């Protein structure tokens, strides 16, 4: 996985960072915790300016989250709840969980959006309830941009500072990234199993 991400970042530069972060937020195939440090490392090697890597990562993150926000806003609560009621088990989401997320966003909108950008899984899932709650576009995009910018800057900065030590760290990160994907898949399958037993 690291070799694949490194190849995209190295060959496509900021455009590759933008694309990977867009995909990570649209449907998380690989974590930003892997993408952005590699972008920072590429910047340390002179393949792109660090500030451009950060802006590309933040832009891809914003676009990916914006897609889900606009989907939630366009479909509306009734249609999304109907979809979740019928097919939510495949996405590990219940109508009650959707209600709680929407209520939380109505109460803590800006704070939830800002800090939600820094939490795995939450940073993708939070955008649909934000659309359902009809958080104003200006509020959503401002706080999503700010939280995303802070997060990708921290990750890219860490990769930049590691520089020549990054390859040694990568030897540890790669098996952990596969382990994290396996754990997420296992948790998802367990959720489906428990849900089917209850029904």
N, C-alpha and C. Protein backbone atom coordinates (compact mmCIF):
# COMPACT_ATOMS: atom_id res chain seq x y z
N UNK A 1 0.82 -1.21 0.00
CA UNK A 1 0.00 0.00 0.00
C UNK A 1 0.86 1.26 0.00
N UNK A 2 1.92 1.25 0.82
CA UNK A 2 2.79 2.42 0.89
C UNK A 2 3.46 2.67 -0.46
N UNK A 3 3.89 1.57 -1.13
CA UNK A 3 4.53 1.74 -2.44
C UNK A 3 3.57 2.35 -3.45
N UNK A 4 2.30 1.94 -3.40
CA UNK A 4 1.29 2.46 -4.32
C UNK A 4 1.05 3.95 -4.08
N UNK A 5 0.87 4.33 -2.80
CA UNK A 5 0.66 5.73 -2.46
C UNK A 5 1.88 6.56 -2.81
N UNK A 6 3.07 6.04 -2.49
CA UNK A 6 4.31 6.75 -2.80
C UNK A 6 4.44 6.98 -4.30
N UNK A 7 4.07 5.96 -5.10
CA UNK A 7 4.15 6.10 -6.55
C UNK A 7 3.24 7.20 -7.07
N UNK A 8 2.01 7.26 -6.55
CA UNK A 8 1.07 8.30 -7.00
C UNK A 8 1.55 9.68 -6.59
N UNK A 9 1.98 9.80 -5.33
CA UNK A 9 2.46 11.10 -4.84
C UNK A 9 3.71 11.52 -5.60
N UNK A 10 4.64 10.58 -5.83
CA UNK A 10 5.88 10.90 -6.52
C UNK A 10 5.68 11.24 -7.99
N UNK A 11 4.77 10.51 -8.66
CA UNK A 11 4.57 10.72 -10.09
C UNK A 11 3.66 11.91 -10.39
N UNK A 12 2.60 12.06 -9.61
CA UNK A 12 1.60 13.11 -9.90
C UNK A 12 1.76 14.35 -9.04
N UNK A 13 2.60 14.30 -8.01
CA UNK A 13 2.83 15.47 -7.17
C UNK A 13 1.58 15.94 -6.46
N UNK A 14 1.36 17.26 -6.40
CA UNK A 14 0.19 17.80 -5.70
C UNK A 14 -1.13 17.25 -6.24
N UNK A 15 -1.21 17.01 -7.54
CA UNK A 15 -2.44 16.44 -8.12
C UNK A 15 -2.72 15.06 -7.55
N UNK A 16 -1.66 14.27 -7.35
CA UNK A 16 -1.81 12.94 -6.75
C UNK A 16 -2.27 13.03 -5.31
N UNK A 17 -1.71 13.99 -4.55
CA UNK A 17 -2.13 14.20 -3.16
C UNK A 17 -3.60 14.58 -3.12
N UNK A 18 -4.00 15.51 -4.00
CA UNK A 18 -5.39 15.95 -4.07
C UNK A 18 -6.32 14.77 -4.36
N UNK A 19 -5.96 13.96 -5.35
CA UNK A 19 -6.80 12.82 -5.74
C UNK A 19 -6.92 11.81 -4.60
N UNK A 20 -5.81 11.46 -3.97
CA UNK A 20 -5.83 10.48 -2.88
C UNK A 20 -6.66 10.98 -1.70
N UNK A 21 -6.52 12.25 -1.35
CA UNK A 21 -7.30 12.79 -0.24
C UNK A 21 -8.77 12.91 -0.59
N UNK A 22 -9.08 13.19 -1.86
CA UNK A 22 -10.47 13.20 -2.29
C UNK A 22 -11.07 11.81 -2.13
N UNK A 23 -10.36 10.78 -2.60
CA UNK A 23 -10.85 9.42 -2.50
C UNK A 23 -10.96 8.98 -1.05
N UNK A 24 -9.99 9.39 -0.22
CA UNK A 24 -10.00 9.00 1.20
C UNK A 24 -11.24 9.54 1.90
N UNK A 25 -11.69 10.72 1.51
CA UNK A 25 -12.86 11.31 2.15
C UNK A 25 -14.16 10.92 1.47
N UNK A 26 -14.07 10.52 0.19
CA UNK A 26 -15.28 10.08 -0.51
C UNK A 26 -15.65 8.66 -0.07
N UNK A 27 -14.68 7.78 -0.09
CA UNK A 27 -14.86 6.41 0.38
C UNK A 27 -13.49 5.92 0.81
N UNK A 28 -13.25 5.92 2.11
CA UNK A 28 -11.87 5.77 2.62
C UNK A 28 -11.17 4.47 2.24
N UNK A 29 -10.42 4.45 1.14
CA UNK A 29 -9.66 3.25 0.82
C UNK A 29 -8.34 3.20 1.57
N UNK A 30 -7.76 4.35 1.82
CA UNK A 30 -6.50 4.45 2.56
C UNK A 30 -6.59 5.66 3.47
N UNK A 31 -5.95 5.62 4.62
CA UNK A 31 -6.11 6.72 5.58
C UNK A 31 -5.24 7.93 5.24
N UNK A 32 -5.74 9.10 5.62
CA UNK A 32 -4.95 10.32 5.45
C UNK A 32 -3.68 10.27 6.29
N UNK A 33 -3.71 9.47 7.37
CA UNK A 33 -2.52 9.30 8.21
C UNK A 33 -1.38 8.64 7.45
N UNK A 34 -1.67 8.05 6.32
CA UNK A 34 -0.63 7.49 5.45
C UNK A 34 -0.30 8.44 4.30
N UNK A 35 -1.35 9.03 3.70
CA UNK A 35 -1.17 9.87 2.52
C UNK A 35 -0.35 11.12 2.83
N UNK A 36 -0.77 11.87 3.84
CA UNK A 36 -0.16 13.18 4.07
C UNK A 36 1.27 13.13 4.60
N UNK A 37 1.62 12.20 5.50
CA UNK A 37 3.04 12.11 5.85
C UNK A 37 3.92 11.77 4.65
N UNK A 38 3.41 10.92 3.75
CA UNK A 38 4.18 10.61 2.53
C UNK A 38 4.32 11.85 1.65
N UNK A 39 3.26 12.67 1.61
CA UNK A 39 3.35 13.93 0.85
C UNK A 39 4.38 14.86 1.49
N UNK A 40 4.42 14.90 2.81
CA UNK A 40 5.43 15.71 3.51
C UNK A 40 6.84 15.21 3.25
N UNK A 41 7.00 13.90 3.20
CA UNK A 41 8.30 13.31 2.90
C UNK A 41 8.73 13.66 1.48
N UNK A 42 7.77 13.60 0.53
CA UNK A 42 8.07 13.97 -0.85
C UNK A 42 8.49 15.44 -0.93
N UNK A 43 7.84 16.28 -0.11
CA UNK A 43 8.22 17.70 -0.07
C UNK A 43 9.63 17.88 0.48
N UNK A 44 9.97 17.08 1.49
CA UNK A 44 11.32 17.15 2.07
C UNK A 44 12.37 16.74 1.05
N UNK A 45 12.00 15.88 0.11
CA UNK A 45 12.94 15.45 -0.94
C UNK A 45 12.96 16.41 -2.12
N UNK A 46 12.18 17.49 -2.04
CA UNK A 46 12.18 18.49 -3.09
C UNK A 46 11.26 18.21 -4.25
N UNK A 47 10.34 17.24 -4.11
CA UNK A 47 9.45 16.89 -5.21
C UNK A 47 8.28 17.86 -5.35
N UNK A 48 7.98 18.61 -4.29
CA UNK A 48 6.93 19.63 -4.32
C UNK A 48 7.12 20.52 -3.11
N UNK A 49 6.63 21.76 -3.16
CA UNK A 49 6.69 22.60 -1.96
C UNK A 49 5.74 22.06 -0.88
N UNK A 50 6.15 22.18 0.37
CA UNK A 50 5.33 21.68 1.47
C UNK A 50 3.97 22.37 1.50
N UNK A 51 3.95 23.69 1.29
CA UNK A 51 2.69 24.42 1.36
C UNK A 51 1.71 23.94 0.29
N UNK A 52 2.26 23.55 -0.89
CA UNK A 52 1.41 23.08 -1.97
C UNK A 52 0.85 21.69 -1.65
N UNK A 53 1.67 20.85 -1.01
CA UNK A 53 1.19 19.53 -0.58
C UNK A 53 0.05 19.68 0.42
N UNK A 54 0.20 20.62 1.36
CA UNK A 54 -0.84 20.86 2.37
C UNK A 54 -2.12 21.37 1.72
N UNK A 55 -2.00 22.34 0.81
CA UNK A 55 -3.19 22.88 0.14
C UNK A 55 -3.87 21.81 -0.72
N UNK A 56 -3.09 20.98 -1.40
CA UNK A 56 -3.67 19.91 -2.22
C UNK A 56 -4.42 18.91 -1.35
N UNK A 57 -3.81 18.54 -0.22
CA UNK A 57 -4.47 17.61 0.69
C UNK A 57 -5.75 18.18 1.27
N UNK A 58 -5.69 19.45 1.70
CA UNK A 58 -6.87 20.09 2.27
C UNK A 58 -7.97 20.25 1.21
N UNK A 59 -7.57 20.57 -0.03
CA UNK A 59 -8.54 20.72 -1.11
C UNK A 59 -9.24 19.42 -1.45
N UNK A 60 -8.48 18.32 -1.53
CA UNK A 60 -9.07 17.02 -1.80
C UNK A 60 -10.01 16.59 -0.70
N UNK A 61 -9.60 16.85 0.55
CA UNK A 61 -10.44 16.53 1.70
C UNK A 61 -11.76 17.30 1.66
N UNK A 62 -11.66 18.60 1.36
CA UNK A 62 -12.85 19.44 1.31
C UNK A 62 -13.81 18.98 0.21
N UNK A 63 -13.26 18.66 -0.97
CA UNK A 63 -14.11 18.23 -2.07
C UNK A 63 -14.82 16.92 -1.74
N UNK A 64 -14.09 15.96 -1.17
CA UNK A 64 -14.71 14.68 -0.81
C UNK A 64 -15.81 14.85 0.21
N UNK A 65 -15.56 15.66 1.23
CA UNK A 65 -16.59 15.90 2.24
C UNK A 65 -17.75 16.69 1.67
N UNK A 66 -17.45 17.61 0.74
CA UNK A 66 -18.49 18.41 0.13
C UNK A 66 -19.47 17.56 -0.66
N UNK A 67 -18.98 16.50 -1.31
CA UNK A 67 -19.86 15.60 -2.06
C UNK A 67 -20.91 15.00 -1.13
N UNK A 68 -20.45 14.46 0.03
CA UNK A 68 -21.39 13.83 0.95
C UNK A 68 -22.33 14.84 1.59
N UNK A 69 -21.84 16.04 1.88
CA UNK A 69 -22.70 17.09 2.44
C UNK A 69 -23.81 17.44 1.46
N UNK A 70 -23.45 17.64 0.20
CA UNK A 70 -24.45 18.02 -0.81
C UNK A 70 -25.43 16.88 -1.07
N UNK A 71 -24.96 15.63 -1.00
CA UNK A 71 -25.86 14.48 -1.15
C UNK A 71 -26.89 14.47 -0.03
N UNK A 72 -26.41 14.64 1.21
CA UNK A 72 -27.32 14.67 2.35
C UNK A 72 -28.31 15.81 2.26
N UNK A 73 -27.83 16.97 1.86
CA UNK A 73 -28.69 18.15 1.75
C UNK A 73 -29.72 17.98 0.63
N UNK A 74 -29.30 17.40 -0.50
CA UNK A 74 -30.20 17.25 -1.65
C UNK A 74 -31.26 16.18 -1.41
N UNK A 75 -30.87 15.06 -0.82
CA UNK A 75 -31.82 13.97 -0.60
C UNK A 75 -32.80 14.28 0.53
N UNK A 76 -32.31 14.96 1.57
CA UNK A 76 -33.18 15.31 2.68
C UNK A 76 -33.34 14.16 3.67
N UNK A 77 -33.81 14.51 4.87
CA UNK A 77 -33.90 13.55 5.97
C UNK A 77 -34.79 12.37 5.65
N UNK A 78 -35.97 12.62 5.06
CA UNK A 78 -36.93 11.54 4.83
C UNK A 78 -36.36 10.47 3.92
N UNK A 79 -35.75 10.87 2.81
CA UNK A 79 -35.23 9.90 1.84
C UNK A 79 -34.02 9.15 2.39
N UNK A 80 -33.14 9.87 3.09
CA UNK A 80 -31.97 9.22 3.67
C UNK A 80 -32.39 8.21 4.73
N UNK A 81 -33.35 8.60 5.58
CA UNK A 81 -33.82 7.68 6.62
C UNK A 81 -34.46 6.44 6.00
N UNK A 82 -35.17 6.61 4.92
CA UNK A 82 -35.77 5.48 4.23
C UNK A 82 -34.69 4.53 3.71
N UNK A 83 -33.63 5.11 3.12
CA UNK A 83 -32.51 4.30 2.62
C UNK A 83 -31.81 3.57 3.76
N UNK A 84 -31.59 4.29 4.87
CA UNK A 84 -30.91 3.69 6.02
C UNK A 84 -31.77 2.58 6.62
N UNK A 85 -33.08 2.82 6.71
CA UNK A 85 -33.98 1.81 7.27
C UNK A 85 -33.96 0.53 6.44
N UNK A 86 -33.86 0.68 5.11
CA UNK A 86 -33.90 -0.49 4.23
C UNK A 86 -32.53 -1.13 4.02
N UNK A 87 -31.48 -0.28 3.93
CA UNK A 87 -30.16 -0.81 3.56
C UNK A 87 -29.05 -0.44 4.54
N UNK A 88 -29.40 0.18 5.65
CA UNK A 88 -28.39 0.66 6.60
C UNK A 88 -27.49 -0.41 7.16
N UNK A 89 -28.02 -1.65 7.23
CA UNK A 89 -27.20 -2.72 7.81
C UNK A 89 -25.92 -2.96 7.01
N UNK A 90 -25.98 -2.69 5.69
CA UNK A 90 -24.79 -2.89 4.85
C UNK A 90 -23.75 -1.80 5.08
N UNK A 91 -24.18 -0.65 5.63
CA UNK A 91 -23.26 0.46 5.89
C UNK A 91 -22.99 0.63 7.38
N UNK A 92 -23.46 -0.33 8.18
CA UNK A 92 -23.27 -0.32 9.63
C UNK A 92 -23.83 0.95 10.25
N UNK A 93 -25.00 1.38 9.76
CA UNK A 93 -25.65 2.58 10.28
C UNK A 93 -27.12 2.27 10.53
N UNK A 94 -27.65 2.71 11.68
CA UNK A 94 -29.06 2.55 11.98
C UNK A 94 -29.73 3.92 11.92
N UNK A 95 -31.06 3.96 11.73
CA UNK A 95 -31.76 5.26 11.77
C UNK A 95 -31.52 6.01 13.07
N UNK A 96 -31.43 5.27 14.18
CA UNK A 96 -31.21 5.92 15.48
C UNK A 96 -29.84 6.60 15.52
N UNK A 97 -28.82 5.93 14.98
CA UNK A 97 -27.47 6.51 14.95
C UNK A 97 -27.46 7.76 14.07
N UNK A 98 -28.19 7.71 12.98
CA UNK A 98 -28.29 8.88 12.11
C UNK A 98 -28.97 10.04 12.83
N UNK A 99 -30.04 9.73 13.59
CA UNK A 99 -30.73 10.76 14.36
C UNK A 99 -29.80 11.40 15.39
N UNK A 100 -29.01 10.57 16.08
CA UNK A 100 -28.09 11.10 17.09
C UNK A 100 -27.04 12.00 16.46
N UNK A 101 -26.51 11.57 15.32
CA UNK A 101 -25.49 12.37 14.63
C UNK A 101 -26.06 13.72 14.19
N UNK A 102 -27.28 13.68 13.66
CA UNK A 102 -27.91 14.92 13.20
C UNK A 102 -28.19 15.86 14.37
N UNK A 103 -28.69 15.29 15.48
CA UNK A 103 -29.00 16.11 16.66
C UNK A 103 -27.72 16.73 17.23
N UNK A 104 -26.64 15.95 17.25
CA UNK A 104 -25.36 16.45 17.75
C UNK A 104 -24.86 17.61 16.89
N UNK A 105 -25.03 17.48 15.57
CA UNK A 105 -24.58 18.55 14.68
C UNK A 105 -25.42 19.81 14.85
N UNK A 106 -26.70 19.64 15.11
CA UNK A 106 -27.54 20.83 15.34
C UNK A 106 -27.10 21.57 16.60
N UNK A 107 -26.65 20.81 17.61
CA UNK A 107 -26.23 21.43 18.87
C UNK A 107 -24.81 21.99 18.79
N UNK A 108 -23.91 21.23 18.19
CA UNK A 108 -22.47 21.58 18.25
C UNK A 108 -21.87 21.77 16.87
N UNK A 109 -22.65 22.23 15.89
CA UNK A 109 -22.23 22.31 14.50
C UNK A 109 -20.79 22.65 14.23
N UNK A 110 -20.35 23.90 14.43
CA UNK A 110 -18.97 24.28 14.08
C UNK A 110 -17.90 23.47 14.81
N UNK A 111 -18.10 23.25 16.12
CA UNK A 111 -17.10 22.49 16.89
C UNK A 111 -17.00 21.06 16.38
N UNK A 112 -18.17 20.43 16.14
CA UNK A 112 -18.19 19.04 15.65
C UNK A 112 -17.54 18.95 14.27
N UNK A 113 -17.82 19.91 13.40
CA UNK A 113 -17.24 19.89 12.06
C UNK A 113 -15.73 20.06 12.12
N UNK A 114 -15.26 20.98 12.96
CA UNK A 114 -13.82 21.25 13.06
C UNK A 114 -13.07 20.02 13.58
N UNK A 115 -13.49 19.51 14.73
CA UNK A 115 -12.76 18.39 15.33
C UNK A 115 -13.08 17.06 14.64
N UNK A 116 -14.24 16.99 13.97
CA UNK A 116 -14.57 15.78 13.23
C UNK A 116 -13.62 15.50 12.09
N UNK A 117 -12.95 16.55 11.56
CA UNK A 117 -11.98 16.37 10.48
C UNK A 117 -10.77 15.58 10.94
N UNK A 118 -10.55 15.49 12.25
CA UNK A 118 -9.33 14.87 12.77
C UNK A 118 -9.57 13.47 13.32
N UNK A 119 -10.80 12.97 13.20
CA UNK A 119 -11.12 11.66 13.75
C UNK A 119 -11.36 10.65 12.63
N UNK A 120 -10.66 9.50 12.68
CA UNK A 120 -10.87 8.48 11.65
C UNK A 120 -12.34 8.10 11.54
N UNK A 121 -12.79 7.81 10.33
CA UNK A 121 -14.17 7.42 10.01
C UNK A 121 -15.14 8.58 10.20
N UNK A 122 -15.07 9.27 11.35
CA UNK A 122 -16.00 10.38 11.61
C UNK A 122 -15.85 11.45 10.55
N UNK A 123 -14.60 11.72 10.10
CA UNK A 123 -14.39 12.83 9.16
C UNK A 123 -15.10 12.63 7.83
N UNK A 124 -15.40 11.37 7.49
CA UNK A 124 -16.18 11.11 6.28
C UNK A 124 -17.67 11.08 6.59
N UNK A 125 -18.04 10.37 7.65
CA UNK A 125 -19.45 10.15 7.96
C UNK A 125 -20.18 11.40 8.44
N UNK A 126 -19.46 12.36 9.00
CA UNK A 126 -20.11 13.53 9.59
C UNK A 126 -20.75 14.43 8.54
N UNK A 127 -20.31 14.34 7.30
CA UNK A 127 -20.80 15.26 6.28
C UNK A 127 -22.25 15.01 5.88
N UNK A 128 -22.69 13.75 5.87
CA UNK A 128 -24.09 13.47 5.51
C UNK A 128 -25.05 14.04 6.55
N UNK A 129 -24.85 13.78 7.86
CA UNK A 129 -25.74 14.41 8.84
C UNK A 129 -25.68 15.93 8.80
N UNK A 130 -24.52 16.49 8.46
CA UNK A 130 -24.43 17.95 8.34
C UNK A 130 -25.34 18.45 7.23
N UNK A 131 -25.42 17.71 6.13
CA UNK A 131 -26.33 18.07 5.05
C UNK A 131 -27.78 17.88 5.46
N UNK A 132 -28.05 16.78 6.16
CA UNK A 132 -29.41 16.52 6.62
C UNK A 132 -29.89 17.59 7.59
N UNK A 133 -28.99 18.02 8.47
CA UNK A 133 -29.33 19.06 9.44
C UNK A 133 -29.39 20.44 8.80
N UNK A 134 -29.05 20.48 7.51
CA UNK A 134 -29.04 21.73 6.75
C UNK A 134 -28.19 22.80 7.44
N UNK A 135 -27.02 22.34 7.92
CA UNK A 135 -26.02 23.30 8.41
C UNK A 135 -25.76 24.26 7.26
N UNK A 136 -25.79 25.57 7.49
CA UNK A 136 -25.56 26.52 6.37
C UNK A 136 -24.26 26.20 5.63
N UNK A 137 -24.30 26.35 4.31
CA UNK A 137 -23.13 26.01 3.50
C UNK A 137 -21.88 26.76 3.95
N UNK A 138 -22.04 28.04 4.25
CA UNK A 138 -20.89 28.82 4.68
C UNK A 138 -20.25 28.25 5.93
N UNK A 139 -21.10 27.85 6.89
CA UNK A 139 -20.60 27.26 8.15
C UNK A 139 -19.92 25.93 7.87
N UNK A 140 -20.58 25.07 7.07
CA UNK A 140 -20.02 23.76 6.78
C UNK A 140 -18.66 23.87 6.09
N UNK A 141 -18.60 24.64 5.02
CA UNK A 141 -17.37 24.69 4.23
C UNK A 141 -16.25 25.42 4.96
N UNK A 142 -16.59 26.44 5.76
CA UNK A 142 -15.54 27.15 6.50
C UNK A 142 -14.91 26.23 7.54
N UNK A 143 -15.74 25.61 8.39
CA UNK A 143 -15.19 24.80 9.48
C UNK A 143 -14.59 23.50 8.98
N UNK A 144 -15.15 22.95 7.90
CA UNK A 144 -14.56 21.76 7.29
C UNK A 144 -13.19 22.10 6.70
N UNK A 145 -13.10 23.25 6.03
CA UNK A 145 -11.81 23.67 5.45
C UNK A 145 -10.77 23.90 6.54
N UNK A 146 -11.19 24.58 7.61
CA UNK A 146 -10.24 24.91 8.67
C UNK A 146 -9.75 23.65 9.38
N UNK A 147 -10.68 22.77 9.76
CA UNK A 147 -10.29 21.53 10.43
C UNK A 147 -9.43 20.66 9.54
N UNK A 148 -9.81 20.55 8.26
CA UNK A 148 -9.03 19.75 7.32
C UNK A 148 -7.64 20.31 7.11
N UNK A 149 -7.54 21.63 7.02
CA UNK A 149 -6.24 22.28 6.81
C UNK A 149 -5.30 22.03 7.98
N UNK A 150 -5.82 22.16 9.19
CA UNK A 150 -5.00 21.91 10.39
C UNK A 150 -4.52 20.47 10.40
N UNK A 151 -5.44 19.52 10.13
CA UNK A 151 -5.10 18.10 10.19
C UNK A 151 -4.05 17.72 9.15
N UNK A 152 -4.25 18.11 7.90
CA UNK A 152 -3.29 17.72 6.86
C UNK A 152 -1.95 18.43 7.06
N UNK A 153 -1.98 19.65 7.61
CA UNK A 153 -0.72 20.35 7.88
C UNK A 153 0.10 19.63 8.94
N UNK A 154 -0.57 19.15 9.98
CA UNK A 154 0.12 18.40 11.04
C UNK A 154 0.73 17.12 10.46
N UNK A 155 -0.05 16.39 9.68
CA UNK A 155 0.45 15.13 9.12
C UNK A 155 1.58 15.35 8.11
N UNK A 156 1.40 16.33 7.22
CA UNK A 156 2.44 16.61 6.23
C UNK A 156 3.70 17.15 6.91
N UNK A 157 3.52 17.98 7.93
CA UNK A 157 4.66 18.50 8.68
C UNK A 157 5.44 17.39 9.36
N UNK A 158 4.73 16.39 9.88
CA UNK A 158 5.41 15.26 10.51
C UNK A 158 6.24 14.50 9.48
N UNK A 159 5.67 14.26 8.30
CA UNK A 159 6.42 13.58 7.24
C UNK A 159 7.63 14.39 6.79
N UNK A 160 7.46 15.70 6.72
CA UNK A 160 8.54 16.58 6.30
C UNK A 160 9.69 16.55 7.31
N UNK A 161 9.36 16.57 8.60
CA UNK A 161 10.38 16.58 9.64
C UNK A 161 11.10 15.25 9.77
N UNK A 162 10.40 14.14 9.45
CA UNK A 162 11.05 12.82 9.56
C UNK A 162 12.14 12.65 8.51
N UNK A 163 11.92 13.18 7.32
CA UNK A 163 12.88 13.14 6.22
C UNK A 163 13.53 11.77 6.06
N UNK A 164 14.84 11.69 6.32
CA UNK A 164 15.57 10.46 6.03
C UNK A 164 15.18 9.30 6.94
N UNK A 165 14.49 9.59 8.05
CA UNK A 165 14.05 8.52 8.94
C UNK A 165 12.75 7.89 8.46
N UNK A 166 12.12 8.52 7.46
CA UNK A 166 10.78 8.07 7.07
C UNK A 166 10.77 6.64 6.52
N UNK A 167 11.82 6.26 5.80
CA UNK A 167 11.83 4.91 5.23
C UNK A 167 11.84 3.85 6.32
N UNK A 168 12.56 4.14 7.42
CA UNK A 168 12.55 3.20 8.53
C UNK A 168 11.18 3.14 9.19
N UNK A 169 10.55 4.30 9.34
CA UNK A 169 9.22 4.36 9.92
C UNK A 169 8.22 3.65 9.00
N UNK A 170 8.39 3.80 7.69
CA UNK A 170 7.47 3.19 6.72
C UNK A 170 7.45 1.67 6.86
N UNK A 171 8.60 1.07 7.21
CA UNK A 171 8.65 -0.37 7.40
C UNK A 171 7.72 -0.82 8.52
N UNK A 172 7.49 0.07 9.50
CA UNK A 172 6.56 -0.22 10.59
C UNK A 172 5.14 0.14 10.22
N UNK A 173 4.97 1.26 9.50
CA UNK A 173 3.63 1.75 9.18
C UNK A 173 2.90 0.80 8.24
N UNK A 174 3.61 0.24 7.24
CA UNK A 174 2.92 -0.57 6.23
C UNK A 174 2.20 -1.76 6.85
N UNK A 175 2.87 -2.61 7.68
CA UNK A 175 2.12 -3.72 8.27
C UNK A 175 0.98 -3.23 9.17
N UNK A 176 1.19 -2.09 9.85
CA UNK A 176 0.12 -1.56 10.71
C UNK A 176 -1.06 -1.10 9.88
N UNK A 177 -0.80 -0.53 8.70
CA UNK A 177 -1.91 -0.08 7.85
C UNK A 177 -2.74 -1.27 7.37
N UNK A 178 -2.07 -2.39 7.04
CA UNK A 178 -2.81 -3.60 6.65
C UNK A 178 -3.60 -4.14 7.84
N UNK A 179 -3.00 -4.08 9.01
CA UNK A 179 -3.68 -4.55 10.22
C UNK A 179 -4.91 -3.70 10.51
N UNK A 180 -4.79 -2.38 10.31
CA UNK A 180 -5.93 -1.48 10.54
C UNK A 180 -7.07 -1.77 9.56
N UNK A 181 -6.73 -2.01 8.29
CA UNK A 181 -7.75 -2.35 7.30
C UNK A 181 -8.42 -3.67 7.66
N UNK A 182 -7.62 -4.66 8.08
CA UNK A 182 -8.18 -5.96 8.48
C UNK A 182 -9.10 -5.81 9.70
N UNK A 183 -8.69 -4.95 10.65
CA UNK A 183 -9.51 -4.73 11.85
C UNK A 183 -10.84 -4.06 11.49
N UNK A 184 -10.79 -3.08 10.59
CA UNK A 184 -12.03 -2.41 10.16
C UNK A 184 -12.95 -3.40 9.44
N UNK A 185 -12.37 -4.23 8.57
CA UNK A 185 -13.18 -5.21 7.85
C UNK A 185 -13.78 -6.22 8.83
N UNK A 186 -12.98 -6.65 9.81
CA UNK A 186 -13.47 -7.59 10.81
C UNK A 186 -14.60 -6.99 11.64
N UNK A 187 -14.45 -5.72 12.03
CA UNK A 187 -15.49 -5.05 12.81
C UNK A 187 -16.77 -4.92 12.00
N UNK A 188 -16.62 -4.62 10.71
CA UNK A 188 -17.79 -4.49 9.83
C UNK A 188 -18.51 -5.83 9.70
N UNK A 189 -17.77 -6.92 9.46
CA UNK A 189 -18.38 -8.24 9.33
C UNK A 189 -19.03 -8.68 10.64
N UNK A 190 -18.39 -8.36 11.76
CA UNK A 190 -18.97 -8.69 13.07
C UNK A 190 -20.27 -7.93 13.28
N UNK A 191 -20.30 -6.67 12.88
CA UNK A 191 -21.52 -5.86 12.99
C UNK A 191 -22.65 -6.49 12.17
N UNK A 192 -22.35 -6.92 10.93
CA UNK A 192 -23.36 -7.56 10.10
C UNK A 192 -23.85 -8.86 10.73
N UNK A 193 -22.92 -9.62 11.31
CA UNK A 193 -23.29 -10.89 11.95
C UNK A 193 -24.22 -10.66 13.13
N UNK A 194 -23.86 -9.71 14.01
CA UNK A 194 -24.69 -9.40 15.18
C UNK A 194 -26.06 -8.89 14.76
N UNK A 195 -26.07 -8.01 13.74
CA UNK A 195 -27.35 -7.46 13.25
C UNK A 195 -28.24 -8.58 12.69
N UNK A 196 -27.64 -9.54 11.97
CA UNK A 196 -28.45 -10.62 11.39
C UNK A 196 -28.98 -11.56 12.47
N UNK A 197 -28.18 -11.78 13.53
CA UNK A 197 -28.64 -12.63 14.64
C UNK A 197 -29.82 -11.99 15.36
N UNK A 198 -29.76 -10.66 15.56
CA UNK A 198 -30.84 -9.96 16.25
C UNK A 198 -32.13 -9.99 15.43
N UNK A 199 -31.98 -9.87 14.10
CA UNK A 199 -33.19 -9.86 13.26
C UNK A 199 -33.73 -11.27 13.08
